[in-house]
Each structure stands twice: as C-alpha cells, then as structure tokens.
Amino acid sequence: MDTIGTQPAEYGRRNLSFVGLAIAIVAYLAVIKGVGTLTTDQADLVDDVFATTGNVVWGLVVPLGAAFVFVYGLITYLGWWPAVFHDPKPVQRWVWAIPVIFLVAIALGINYGGLADRGLGFTLLLLLATQFVGWGEEGMFRCVTVTTMRRHEWTEGRVALWSSVVFGAVHLTNALTSGAQAIPQAIAVSFAGYFFYLIRRVSRSNVANSIIHGLFDFTILSGTAIIAKGDDPYPGAALAFLVYLVVAILLLVRRRHIELDQAAPSV
C-alpha cells in the first residue's frame, strides 16, 4: 500500500498492490474462519442446522460481523468510501433486469412458514447475518477488488472476469469442511460474482448489490439451513438456483449489448 496523488478523487488516497489485495483477502477469510472456530462451542450446532437464536448469533452474526468490520475498516484506511457509493462505469439500462430477476426470486423463494415457526427474533437475526455476508463480500470483492484492478488500469472486461474468478476461488476454502462439492459451488459463485458486478454497475454504487446479495443468501438459508436433517426440503429454495440459469441465458443473448457502446467487453 502506498499513497498516490495522481488518481481520480473517487479512488481515494491510497493504492493497493495485487500482493496487498491477496493479503487482504486472506486476512478477510482468516477473520471469518478464525472467529467462527472460536465461537463453535457457543454456536452449538447440531447437523449444521440453525434452530435457535443462539445458533444464529454465535454461528453467523459474530464471525460475519467481525469480517464486515474488517472490510469496512480496510475501506476506511484506503480512503475508498467514494467507491462504495459511486461506480463511474455505467452499463445499458436493460441490465436492471438482473436485480429485478433476483428480487422476484427472493420474494417467491423465502421460506416464510419455516421462519414464522422460528419467530421474529430468529428471523431478524438471520436477516442481519446475511446482510453482513452481502455487505462484507460485496465490499471485499466488488468494491476493494474491482477498484484495485481498475487502479492498475485493467480493461473493464478483465476486471469483470478476474474479480469474479477470485470471488469463486476463495469459496474453494469450503473444501476444508464440505470436500469436493466445494468445486462446483466455487464455479457457481464465480457466475454470481459477475451478476453482482453488473448490479453494481447498473445501480452506480455498491449498495444495491450488497443488499440483494444478503437477501439472496437469506432466501437460500431460510430454505436449507433451518430445516432439520431428514425433513422434507423446502421447494422454494430451488428458485434461488434457477436465478443463475435465467440470468446466464439473458446475458448470453444480450452479451454484446451490456456496455454503453454496445461493444463486447475486451478480456
């Protein structure tokens, strides 16, 4: 990290090298995993099911909240808050279809009955935890990572590709607990990273993608992580995964009409 004086004001006062970015990402993961390990006993999960408010607080809110503080502490140090609230590279207006599709799937896919059984306090805590995920991951990968790549004068096509690949790659750390199934998950997450990247650009800030990311994870957890082992799965959870397919097809068809000049991004 070093101080520079020639960059646009929106990028802040400090620079972040790619080595510094890698260290920041590793530190971010270490905070989540480290705090999560320290709170394992208090979380007291059975079969990885979140059944009580205590499960949610210690298993999700505390480690994810710590990671959230780390990310926005880093953004504060770098002076990159303007990059949170403004993206200088707009795309065509039809790209608003992506957040709309996500929001429809979220509204239809939430396990309202299961959450009602757990109670309002449980539901609000799960919502808080998933917003920590959304704001933390989007802050780290769609704000810090994207801004770092742009500062190094990468083409926007390379920024889109490699920020999404990095986002997917860090989820390979899940292999430590879930084994080989973490590989297809990491691939799917890479696609999700690109979708959230486009939401950032069309909304012109890192806010909408952070909120939607958190709500999307809330939908998935409400249909999976609160259901006891052996119980029937919640069918609405499938909508969350169907979103990937629908958005991917849309982008494949409209891939040459994303940038304002209607040119395909260069890689």
Protein backbone atom coordinates (compact mmCIF):
# COMPACT_ATOMS: atom_id res chain seq x y z
CA MET A 1 0.00 0.00 0.00
CA ASP A 2 1.26 3.43 -0.82
CA THR A 3 -0.06 6.95 -1.06
CA ILE A 4 -0.55 8.38 -4.54
CA GLY A 5 -1.63 11.77 -5.72
CA THR A 6 -2.45 11.29 -9.40
CA GLN A 7 -5.51 9.04 -9.22
CA PRO A 8 -9.09 10.37 -9.59
CA ALA A 9 -10.58 11.54 -6.28
CA GLU A 10 -13.21 8.78 -6.38
CA TYR A 11 -10.47 6.18 -5.93
CA GLY A 12 -9.21 7.58 -2.65
CA ARG A 13 -5.84 8.50 -1.29
CA ARG A 14 -4.06 5.14 -1.18
CA ASN A 15 -3.07 2.47 -3.62
CA LEU A 16 -3.33 -1.29 -3.07
CA SER A 17 -0.95 -3.63 -4.87
CA PHE A 18 -2.07 -7.06 -6.01
CA VAL A 19 0.06 -8.56 -3.24
CA GLY A 20 -1.68 -6.28 -0.79
CA LEU A 21 -5.06 -7.34 -2.20
CA ALA A 22 -4.16 -11.01 -1.79
CA ILE A 23 -3.11 -10.40 1.81
CA ALA A 24 -6.34 -8.51 2.48
CA ILE A 25 -8.46 -11.36 1.07
CA VAL A 26 -6.56 -13.97 3.09
CA ALA A 27 -6.98 -11.83 6.21
CA TYR A 28 -10.70 -11.48 5.50
CA LEU A 29 -11.08 -15.26 5.25
CA ALA A 30 -8.94 -15.73 8.37
CA VAL A 31 -11.24 -13.45 10.35
CA ILE A 32 -14.32 -15.44 9.32
CA LYS A 33 -12.74 -18.85 9.87
CA GLY A 34 -10.84 -17.82 13.00
CA VAL A 35 -13.74 -16.17 14.79
CA GLY A 36 -16.02 -18.97 13.61
CA THR A 37 -13.69 -21.53 15.17
CA LEU A 38 -13.57 -19.60 18.44
CA THR A 39 -17.38 -19.48 18.64
CA THR A 40 -18.03 -23.09 17.61
CA ASP A 41 -18.83 -24.25 21.15
CA GLN A 42 -21.20 -21.32 21.79
CA ALA A 43 -22.94 -21.87 18.43
CA ASP A 44 -23.70 -25.47 19.47
CA LEU A 45 -24.97 -26.50 16.04
CA VAL A 46 -26.47 -29.96 15.53
CA ASP A 47 -26.13 -31.29 11.96
CA ASP A 48 -25.31 -27.71 10.83
CA VAL A 49 -28.93 -26.66 11.40
CA PHE A 50 -29.70 -23.19 12.75
CA ALA A 51 -32.60 -23.86 15.08
CA THR A 52 -32.23 -21.20 17.79
CA THR A 53 -31.28 -17.55 18.09
CA GLY A 54 -28.12 -18.65 19.89
CA ASN A 55 -27.14 -20.77 16.89
CA VAL A 56 -27.53 -17.75 14.61
CA VAL A 57 -25.74 -15.28 16.89
CA TRP A 58 -22.65 -17.38 17.53
CA GLY A 59 -22.60 -19.35 14.29
CA LEU A 60 -23.28 -16.47 11.90
CA VAL A 61 -23.67 -12.97 13.33
CA VAL A 62 -20.43 -12.85 15.34
CA PRO A 63 -17.96 -14.22 12.73
CA LEU A 64 -19.64 -12.49 9.80
CA GLY A 65 -19.97 -9.26 11.76
CA ALA A 66 -16.24 -9.38 12.52
CA ALA A 67 -15.49 -9.83 8.81
CA PHE A 68 -17.81 -6.92 7.98
CA VAL A 69 -15.89 -4.67 10.39
CA PHE A 70 -12.59 -5.79 8.85
CA VAL A 71 -13.71 -4.99 5.28
CA TYR A 72 -15.04 -1.53 6.04
CA GLY A 73 -12.08 -0.79 8.27
CA LEU A 74 -9.89 -1.56 5.24
CA ILE A 75 -12.03 0.65 3.00
CA THR A 76 -11.74 3.45 5.57
CA TYR A 77 -7.95 3.07 5.72
CA LEU A 78 -7.68 3.15 1.93
CA GLY A 79 -9.99 6.16 1.70
CA TRP A 80 -12.20 4.28 -0.77
CA TRP A 81 -15.63 5.11 0.65
CA PRO A 82 -16.49 7.06 -2.55
CA ALA A 83 -16.08 3.76 -4.44
CA VAL A 84 -18.77 2.24 -2.17
CA PHE A 85 -21.31 4.87 -3.18
CA HIS A 86 -20.35 5.57 -6.77
CA ASP A 87 -19.36 3.39 -9.71
CA PRO A 88 -18.03 5.50 -12.60
CA LYS A 89 -18.69 2.90 -15.31
CA PRO A 90 -22.40 2.63 -16.17
CA VAL A 91 -23.93 -0.02 -18.42
CA GLN A 92 -27.05 -0.10 -20.56
CA ARG A 93 -30.33 0.33 -18.72
CA TRP A 94 -31.75 -3.09 -19.64
CA VAL A 95 -29.21 -4.58 -17.18
CA TRP A 96 -31.68 -3.51 -14.46
CA ALA A 97 -33.43 -6.75 -15.42
CA ILE A 98 -30.80 -8.64 -13.41
CA PRO A 99 -31.59 -7.16 -9.97
CA VAL A 100 -35.32 -7.38 -10.79
CA ILE A 101 -35.00 -11.12 -11.51
CA PHE A 102 -33.09 -11.60 -8.26
CA LEU A 103 -35.70 -9.68 -6.25
CA VAL A 104 -38.59 -11.67 -7.73
CA ALA A 105 -36.84 -14.95 -6.89
CA ILE A 106 -36.10 -13.70 -3.37
CA ALA A 107 -39.73 -12.72 -2.77
CA LEU A 108 -41.02 -16.06 -4.05
CA GLY A 109 -38.29 -18.25 -2.57
CA ILE A 110 -38.20 -17.24 1.11
CA ASN A 111 -39.39 -19.97 3.47
CA TYR A 112 -41.97 -17.78 5.22
CA GLY A 113 -43.57 -20.68 7.10
CA GLY A 114 -40.29 -22.01 8.46
CA LEU A 115 -39.22 -18.55 9.60
CA ALA A 116 -42.60 -17.95 11.26
CA ASP A 117 -42.09 -21.15 13.25
CA ARG A 118 -38.71 -19.88 14.45
CA GLY A 119 -40.08 -16.48 15.48
CA LEU A 120 -39.45 -12.81 14.71
CA GLY A 121 -36.23 -12.53 16.73
CA PHE A 122 -34.68 -15.51 14.93
CA THR A 123 -35.75 -14.13 11.55
CA LEU A 124 -34.30 -10.67 12.19
CA LEU A 125 -31.00 -12.13 13.39
CA LEU A 126 -30.77 -14.33 10.28
CA LEU A 127 -31.52 -11.27 8.15
CA LEU A 128 -28.77 -9.33 9.94
CA ALA A 129 -26.28 -12.15 9.48
CA THR A 130 -26.98 -12.45 5.77
CA GLN A 131 -26.67 -8.69 5.32
CA PHE A 132 -23.24 -8.97 6.93
CA VAL A 133 -22.47 -11.56 4.22
CA GLY A 134 -23.79 -9.36 1.45
CA TRP A 135 -22.07 -6.15 2.53
CA GLY A 136 -18.88 -7.95 3.57
CA GLU A 137 -18.39 -9.96 0.38
CA GLU A 138 -19.50 -7.17 -1.93
CA GLY A 139 -17.26 -4.74 -0.07
CA MET A 140 -14.28 -7.08 -0.41
CA PHE A 141 -14.80 -8.31 -3.96
CA ARG A 142 -16.95 -5.76 -5.81
CA CYS A 143 -15.50 -2.68 -4.12
CA VAL A 144 -11.93 -3.36 -2.95
CA THR A 145 -11.03 -5.96 -5.61
CA VAL A 146 -12.71 -4.17 -8.52
CA THR A 147 -11.24 -0.80 -7.51
CA THR A 148 -7.75 -2.30 -7.15
CA MET A 149 -7.92 -3.78 -10.64
CA ARG A 150 -9.21 -0.53 -12.10
CA ARG A 151 -6.43 1.41 -10.40
CA HIS A 152 -3.95 -0.83 -12.21
CA GLU A 153 -5.61 0.23 -15.46
CA TRP A 154 -7.04 -3.14 -16.40
CA THR A 155 -9.69 -3.18 -19.11
CA GLU A 156 -13.19 -3.49 -17.71
CA GLY A 157 -13.56 -6.91 -19.32
CA ARG A 158 -10.55 -8.16 -17.35
CA VAL A 159 -11.90 -6.57 -14.18
CA ALA A 160 -15.26 -8.31 -14.65
CA LEU A 161 -13.65 -11.68 -15.37
CA TRP A 162 -10.92 -11.82 -12.76
CA SER A 163 -12.83 -10.20 -9.89
CA SER A 164 -15.49 -12.88 -10.43
CA VAL A 165 -12.92 -15.69 -10.67
CA VAL A 166 -11.25 -14.53 -7.46
CA PHE A 167 -14.64 -14.42 -5.75
CA GLY A 168 -15.33 -18.00 -6.78
CA ALA A 169 -11.81 -19.21 -5.95
CA VAL A 170 -11.96 -18.05 -2.33
CA HIS A 171 -15.00 -20.28 -1.84
CA LEU A 172 -12.76 -23.27 -2.52
CA THR A 173 -11.77 -22.89 1.13
CA ASN A 174 -15.11 -24.55 1.85
CA ALA A 175 -13.47 -27.78 0.69
CA LEU A 176 -11.91 -27.95 4.15
CA THR A 177 -15.35 -28.79 5.55
CA SER A 178 -17.51 -29.88 2.60
CA GLY A 179 -14.98 -31.69 0.42
CA ALA A 180 -15.09 -31.89 -3.39
CA GLN A 181 -18.59 -30.42 -3.60
CA ALA A 182 -16.95 -27.05 -2.96
CA ILE A 183 -15.62 -27.10 -6.55
CA PRO A 184 -18.98 -26.79 -8.38
CA GLN A 185 -20.04 -24.32 -5.70
CA ALA A 186 -16.99 -22.16 -6.46
CA ILE A 187 -17.83 -22.23 -10.18
CA ALA A 188 -21.43 -21.19 -9.49
CA VAL A 189 -20.23 -18.44 -7.14
CA SER A 190 -17.98 -17.07 -9.89
CA PHE A 191 -21.05 -16.60 -12.09
CA ALA A 192 -22.88 -15.00 -9.17
CA GLY A 193 -19.94 -12.65 -8.73
CA TYR A 194 -20.34 -11.45 -12.31
CA PHE A 195 -24.08 -10.92 -11.79
CA PHE A 196 -23.46 -8.83 -8.66
CA TYR A 197 -20.71 -6.92 -10.51
CA LEU A 198 -23.26 -5.93 -13.16
CA ILE A 199 -25.77 -4.93 -10.49
CA ARG A 200 -23.10 -2.66 -9.04
CA ARG A 201 -22.51 -1.03 -12.41
CA VAL A 202 -26.15 -0.58 -13.41
CA SER A 203 -27.10 0.81 -9.98
CA ARG A 204 -23.95 3.02 -10.00
CA SER A 205 -22.89 2.04 -6.45
CA ASN A 206 -22.03 -0.92 -4.23
CA VAL A 207 -25.27 -0.63 -2.26
CA ALA A 208 -27.92 -2.45 -4.31
CA ASN A 209 -25.67 -5.45 -5.00
CA SER A 210 -24.78 -5.69 -1.29
CA ILE A 211 -28.42 -5.65 -0.18
CA ILE A 212 -29.55 -8.09 -2.87
CA HIS A 213 -26.62 -10.42 -2.17
CA GLY A 214 -27.61 -10.53 1.50
CA LEU A 215 -31.29 -11.11 0.73
CA PHE A 216 -30.38 -13.84 -1.74
CA ASP A 217 -28.35 -15.67 0.91
CA PHE A 218 -31.21 -15.11 3.38
CA THR A 219 -33.55 -16.86 0.93
CA ILE A 220 -31.21 -19.81 0.48
CA LEU A 221 -30.58 -20.25 4.22
CA SER A 222 -34.29 -19.99 5.03
CA GLY A 223 -34.93 -22.93 2.72
CA THR A 224 -31.94 -25.06 3.68
CA ALA A 225 -30.06 -24.23 6.88
CA ILE A 226 -33.09 -24.01 9.22
CA ILE A 227 -34.56 -27.36 8.14
CA ALA A 228 -33.74 -30.33 10.33
CA LYS A 229 -31.87 -33.24 8.81
CA GLY A 230 -34.35 -35.76 7.42
CA ASP A 231 -37.19 -33.28 6.97
CA ASP A 232 -38.61 -32.57 3.53
CA PRO A 233 -36.64 -29.85 1.72
CA TYR A 234 -38.32 -26.52 1.08
CA PRO A 235 -39.19 -26.41 -2.65
CA GLY A 236 -38.90 -22.61 -2.88
CA ALA A 237 -35.15 -22.89 -2.35
CA ALA A 238 -34.84 -24.16 -5.94
CA LEU A 239 -35.88 -20.71 -7.20
CA ALA A 240 -32.66 -19.23 -5.86
CA PHE A 241 -30.60 -21.57 -8.02
CA LEU A 242 -32.91 -21.15 -11.03
CA VAL A 243 -31.95 -17.45 -10.99
CA TYR A 244 -28.42 -18.34 -12.09
CA LEU A 245 -29.71 -20.14 -15.17
CA VAL A 246 -32.20 -17.43 -16.15
CA VAL A 247 -29.69 -14.59 -15.75
CA ALA A 248 -26.95 -16.56 -17.53
CA ILE A 249 -29.21 -17.14 -20.54
CA LEU A 250 -30.24 -13.47 -20.57
CA LEU A 251 -26.61 -12.34 -20.54
CA LEU A 252 -25.63 -14.85 -23.21
CA VAL A 253 -28.31 -13.45 -25.51
CA ARG A 254 -27.55 -9.80 -24.68
CA ARG A 255 -23.79 -10.11 -24.18
CA ARG A 256 -22.97 -7.59 -26.93
CA HIS A 257 -25.35 -5.01 -25.52
CA ILE A 258 -24.05 -4.53 -21.98
CA GLU A 259 -21.56 -1.74 -22.42
CA LEU A 260 -22.86 1.68 -23.42
CA ASP A 261 -21.05 1.50 -26.77
CA GLN A 262 -22.71 -1.92 -27.40
CA ALA A 263 -19.27 -3.48 -27.73
CA ALA A 264 -18.47 -6.77 -26.11
CA PRO A 265 -16.11 -6.30 -23.15
CA SER A 266 -12.49 -6.99 -24.04
CA VAL A 267 -10.62 -9.54 -21.95
